[in-house]
Amino acid sequence: MFTRSGNIWSQQAYLKASNTGAQDSFGSSVSIAGETVVVGARNESSNAREVDGDQSNNSVGRAGAAYVFTRSGSTWSQQAYLKSSKTRTLDSFGQSVAIAGNTVVVGGWGRNNTSGAVNVFARRGSVWSEQAFLESSFSGHGEAFGFSVALANNTVVVGAFGETRNSGVAYVFSNFPLTFNQPIPTLNEWVIILLSLMLGLLVWIKPFFSNWRG
């Protein structure tokens, strides 16, 4: 990690995966937003799934992983270890990553004989969870869906360079449900939401009752 003071750049941190392994290709993709960095390691080989699973079992060759780091002051630390919910050999999960706010998108172009897939994760506080699993509507071997990804607001763009004999295509996903941008509200939060809606309804219908009573 490098930071700038005026026109002078200096190294602030040296980031490594929590389960560093030979040929994991940590750093094959990177993305930053505010105080959070996500790093892909497309050849990482654990059999873990979703978030913070067992990192020590290297039985699924080149499945891939992504790592989330956050900064407090000038100190960086790993916050999460991300894996696909459908981890398989040669997925290359972490080939591409993108972050915006509390949402991370990770591409795994090698899934299903390079058909490819993309996983979406969301953060509440410091806890990450998988929110969506995206595949091409025209999925086919060699499409390489997820080779590149981009994320802004409610929109994800996914590159698939191998589509139609390498002519390539980009897919746009938008208008996701609530869980795409944030985890489902807790019970207490739902109570607050419902009470707010009820209060708003009473304020809206009060003039009608007043007029009805004359």
Protein backbone atom coordinates (compact mmCIF):
# COMPACT_ATOMS: atom_id res chain seq x y z
CA MET A 1 0.00 0.00 0.00
CA PHE A 2 1.27 3.46 -0.93
CA THR A 3 -0.02 6.82 0.27
CA ARG A 4 0.66 10.33 -0.96
CA SER A 5 1.60 13.44 0.98
CA GLY A 6 1.69 16.38 -1.39
CA ASN A 7 3.49 14.98 -4.41
CA ILE A 8 5.49 12.44 -2.40
CA TRP A 9 4.46 8.78 -2.35
CA SER A 10 5.56 6.38 0.39
CA GLN A 11 4.83 2.77 1.29
CA GLN A 12 2.37 2.43 4.15
CA ALA A 13 1.85 -1.33 4.31
CA TYR A 14 2.92 -4.71 2.99
CA LEU A 15 -0.11 -6.98 2.61
CA LYS A 16 -0.02 -10.78 2.58
CA ALA A 17 -2.75 -13.40 2.70
CA SER A 18 -3.52 -15.08 6.02
CA ASN A 19 -2.86 -18.47 4.37
CA THR A 20 0.02 -17.64 2.06
CA GLY A 21 0.86 -20.49 -0.29
CA ALA A 22 3.22 -21.06 -3.20
CA GLN A 23 1.70 -20.11 -6.56
CA ASP A 24 -1.53 -18.72 -5.02
CA SER A 25 -1.12 -15.61 -7.20
CA PHE A 26 -2.13 -13.24 -4.40
CA GLY A 27 -2.41 -9.82 -6.02
CA SER A 28 -3.76 -11.06 -9.35
CA SER A 29 -6.44 -8.39 -8.94
CA VAL A 30 -6.96 -5.45 -6.58
CA SER A 31 -9.60 -2.83 -5.84
CA ILE A 32 -9.88 -0.07 -3.23
CA ALA A 33 -12.69 2.05 -1.81
CA GLY A 34 -12.09 4.39 1.11
CA GLU A 35 -10.45 2.46 3.94
CA THR A 36 -11.05 -0.98 2.41
CA VAL A 37 -8.98 -3.00 -0.05
CA VAL A 38 -9.87 -6.30 -1.71
CA VAL A 39 -7.17 -8.53 -3.22
CA GLY A 40 -7.72 -11.55 -5.44
CA ALA A 41 -5.64 -14.74 -5.39
CA ARG A 42 -6.92 -16.70 -8.37
CA ASN A 43 -4.83 -19.84 -7.75
CA GLU A 44 -5.47 -20.26 -4.00
CA SER A 45 -6.51 -23.86 -3.36
CA SER A 46 -8.47 -24.30 -0.14
CA ASN A 47 -11.81 -26.11 -0.11
CA ALA A 48 -13.48 -23.42 2.02
CA ARG A 49 -16.78 -21.82 1.01
CA GLU A 50 -18.23 -18.32 1.44
CA VAL A 51 -16.67 -16.25 4.27
CA ASP A 52 -13.82 -17.08 6.70
CA GLY A 53 -13.87 -20.84 6.16
CA ASP A 54 -11.04 -23.32 6.77
CA GLN A 55 -7.98 -21.95 4.97
CA SER A 56 -5.67 -24.86 5.71
CA ASN A 57 -7.06 -27.54 3.34
CA ASN A 58 -5.44 -27.18 -0.08
CA SER A 59 -7.45 -29.93 -1.76
CA VAL A 60 -9.18 -27.85 -4.45
CA GLY A 61 -6.49 -26.74 -6.88
CA ARG A 62 -6.71 -23.20 -8.22
CA ALA A 63 -10.17 -22.61 -6.82
CA GLY A 64 -9.17 -19.07 -5.91
CA ALA A 65 -9.91 -16.66 -3.07
CA ALA A 66 -10.24 -12.97 -2.26
CA TYR A 67 -9.08 -11.11 0.83
CA VAL A 68 -10.51 -7.95 2.38
CA PHE A 69 -8.23 -5.57 4.31
CA THR A 70 -9.25 -2.47 6.25
CA ARG A 71 -7.29 0.46 7.61
CA SER A 72 -7.44 2.01 11.06
CA GLY A 73 -5.20 5.06 11.21
CA SER A 74 -2.13 3.88 9.30
CA THR A 75 -2.52 0.21 10.22
CA TRP A 76 -3.98 -2.35 7.78
CA SER A 77 -5.40 -5.70 8.86
CA GLN A 78 -7.27 -8.54 7.17
CA GLN A 79 -11.02 -8.36 7.75
CA ALA A 80 -12.34 -11.26 5.69
CA TYR A 81 -11.39 -14.30 3.63
CA LEU A 82 -13.84 -14.71 0.75
CA LYS A 83 -14.58 -17.87 -1.21
CA SER A 84 -17.30 -18.86 -3.64
CA SER A 85 -20.29 -20.70 -2.16
CA LYS A 86 -19.71 -23.24 -4.95
CA THR A 87 -15.95 -23.72 -4.70
CA ARG A 88 -14.53 -26.02 -7.37
CA THR A 89 -11.16 -26.87 -8.87
CA LEU A 90 -9.90 -24.39 -11.50
CA ASP A 91 -12.60 -21.78 -10.76
CA SER A 92 -9.98 -18.98 -10.72
CA PHE A 93 -12.17 -17.12 -8.21
CA GLY A 94 -10.35 -13.83 -7.61
CA GLN A 95 -9.29 -13.35 -11.23
CA SER A 96 -11.14 -10.04 -10.97
CA VAL A 97 -12.42 -8.00 -8.01
CA ALA A 98 -14.29 -4.73 -7.52
CA ILE A 99 -15.47 -2.88 -4.43
CA ALA A 100 -17.91 0.00 -3.92
CA GLY A 101 -19.03 0.99 -0.45
CA ASN A 102 -19.96 -2.19 1.41
CA THR A 103 -20.26 -4.41 -1.65
CA VAL A 104 -17.57 -6.60 -3.23
CA VAL A 105 -17.81 -8.44 -6.54
CA VAL A 106 -15.45 -11.32 -7.34
CA GLY A 107 -15.11 -12.96 -10.74
CA GLY A 108 -14.17 -16.59 -11.32
CA TRP A 109 -13.81 -17.04 -15.05
CA GLY A 110 -12.66 -20.67 -14.86
CA ARG A 111 -15.83 -22.14 -13.38
CA ASN A 112 -17.47 -24.97 -15.37
CA ASN A 113 -14.75 -25.31 -18.00
CA THR A 114 -14.29 -21.53 -18.28
CA SER A 115 -17.99 -20.72 -18.53
CA GLY A 116 -17.35 -18.45 -15.55
CA ALA A 117 -19.31 -16.98 -12.65
CA VAL A 118 -19.37 -13.94 -10.38
CA ASN A 119 -20.06 -13.76 -6.63
CA VAL A 120 -21.42 -10.71 -4.80
CA PHE A 121 -20.65 -10.09 -1.11
CA ALA A 122 -22.03 -7.44 1.24
CA ARG A 123 -20.78 -6.11 4.58
CA ARG A 124 -22.72 -5.18 7.70
CA GLY A 125 -20.41 -3.61 10.26
CA SER A 126 -17.33 -5.80 9.89
CA VAL A 127 -19.18 -8.97 8.88
CA TRP A 128 -19.29 -10.12 5.26
CA SER A 129 -21.79 -12.51 3.66
CA GLU A 130 -22.44 -13.74 0.14
CA GLN A 131 -25.47 -12.07 -1.43
CA ALA A 132 -25.64 -13.27 -5.03
CA PHE A 133 -24.18 -15.77 -7.49
CA LEU A 134 -24.24 -14.52 -11.10
CA GLU A 135 -23.88 -16.50 -14.30
CA SER A 136 -24.25 -15.61 -17.97
CA SER A 137 -27.70 -15.97 -19.53
CA PHE A 138 -25.90 -17.63 -22.48
CA SER A 139 -23.42 -19.67 -20.47
CA GLY A 140 -21.10 -21.82 -22.54
CA HIS A 141 -17.68 -23.42 -22.23
CA GLY A 142 -14.93 -20.95 -22.96
CA GLU A 143 -17.00 -17.81 -22.46
CA ALA A 144 -14.81 -16.66 -19.56
CA PHE A 145 -17.65 -14.81 -17.84
CA GLY A 146 -16.10 -12.93 -14.89
CA PHE A 147 -12.67 -12.38 -16.40
CA SER A 148 -13.24 -8.71 -15.60
CA VAL A 149 -15.75 -6.94 -13.33
CA ALA A 150 -16.74 -3.40 -12.41
CA LEU A 151 -19.14 -2.10 -9.77
CA ALA A 152 -20.90 1.24 -9.19
CA ASN A 153 -23.99 1.86 -7.08
CA ASN A 154 -26.55 -0.82 -7.98
CA THR A 155 -24.88 -1.90 -11.21
CA VAL A 156 -22.36 -4.65 -11.97
CA VAL A 157 -20.62 -5.03 -15.32
CA VAL A 158 -19.07 -8.39 -16.15
CA GLY A 159 -16.68 -9.04 -19.04
CA ALA A 160 -16.64 -12.33 -20.97
CA PHE A 161 -13.94 -12.14 -23.60
CA GLY A 162 -14.46 -15.70 -24.89
CA GLU A 163 -18.09 -15.34 -25.94
CA THR A 164 -18.80 -16.30 -29.60
CA ARG A 165 -15.33 -17.39 -30.64
CA ASN A 166 -13.56 -14.72 -28.60
CA SER A 167 -15.55 -11.84 -30.05
CA GLY A 168 -16.37 -11.01 -26.43
CA VAL A 169 -19.27 -9.41 -24.61
CA ALA A 170 -20.06 -7.43 -21.45
CA TYR A 171 -23.09 -8.12 -19.26
CA VAL A 172 -24.81 -5.49 -17.14
CA PHE A 173 -26.72 -6.48 -13.98
CA SER A 174 -28.85 -3.93 -12.14
CA ASN A 175 -31.98 -3.40 -10.05
CA PHE A 176 -30.94 -5.98 -7.48
CA PRO A 177 -33.10 -6.76 -4.47
CA LEU A 178 -32.34 -5.31 -1.05
CA THR A 179 -29.85 -8.04 -0.21
CA PHE A 180 -27.56 -7.04 -3.06
CA ASN A 181 -26.55 -3.76 -1.42
CA GLN A 182 -26.88 -4.75 2.20
CA PRO A 183 -27.69 -7.75 4.35
CA ILE A 184 -31.31 -8.35 5.41
CA PRO A 185 -32.31 -6.08 8.35
CA THR A 186 -32.34 -7.55 11.84
CA LEU A 187 -35.61 -8.15 13.70
CA ASN A 188 -35.21 -4.90 15.65
CA GLU A 189 -34.56 -2.99 12.42
CA TRP A 190 -37.68 -4.49 10.84
CA VAL A 191 -39.74 -3.32 13.87
CA ILE A 192 -38.41 0.21 13.41
CA ILE A 193 -39.16 0.10 9.68
CA LEU A 194 -42.75 -1.12 10.25
CA LEU A 195 -43.42 1.45 12.98
CA SER A 196 -42.12 4.19 10.71
CA LEU A 197 -44.40 3.04 7.90
CA MET A 198 -47.41 2.92 10.25
CA LEU A 199 -46.68 6.39 11.57
CA GLY A 200 -46.34 7.73 8.04
CA LEU A 201 -49.67 6.15 7.10
CA LEU A 202 -51.44 7.73 10.10
CA VAL A 203 -50.04 11.15 9.24
CA TRP A 204 -51.20 10.73 5.63
CA ILE A 205 -54.81 9.65 6.43
CA LYS A 206 -55.44 12.04 9.35
CA PRO A 207 -56.78 14.89 7.13
CA PHE A 208 -59.29 12.49 5.57
CA PHE A 209 -60.70 11.49 8.99
CA SER A 210 -60.89 15.15 9.99
CA ASN A 211 -62.88 16.03 6.89
CA TRP A 212 -65.14 12.97 7.27
CA ARG A 213 -66.08 14.00 10.83
CA GLY A 214 -67.05 17.42 9.53
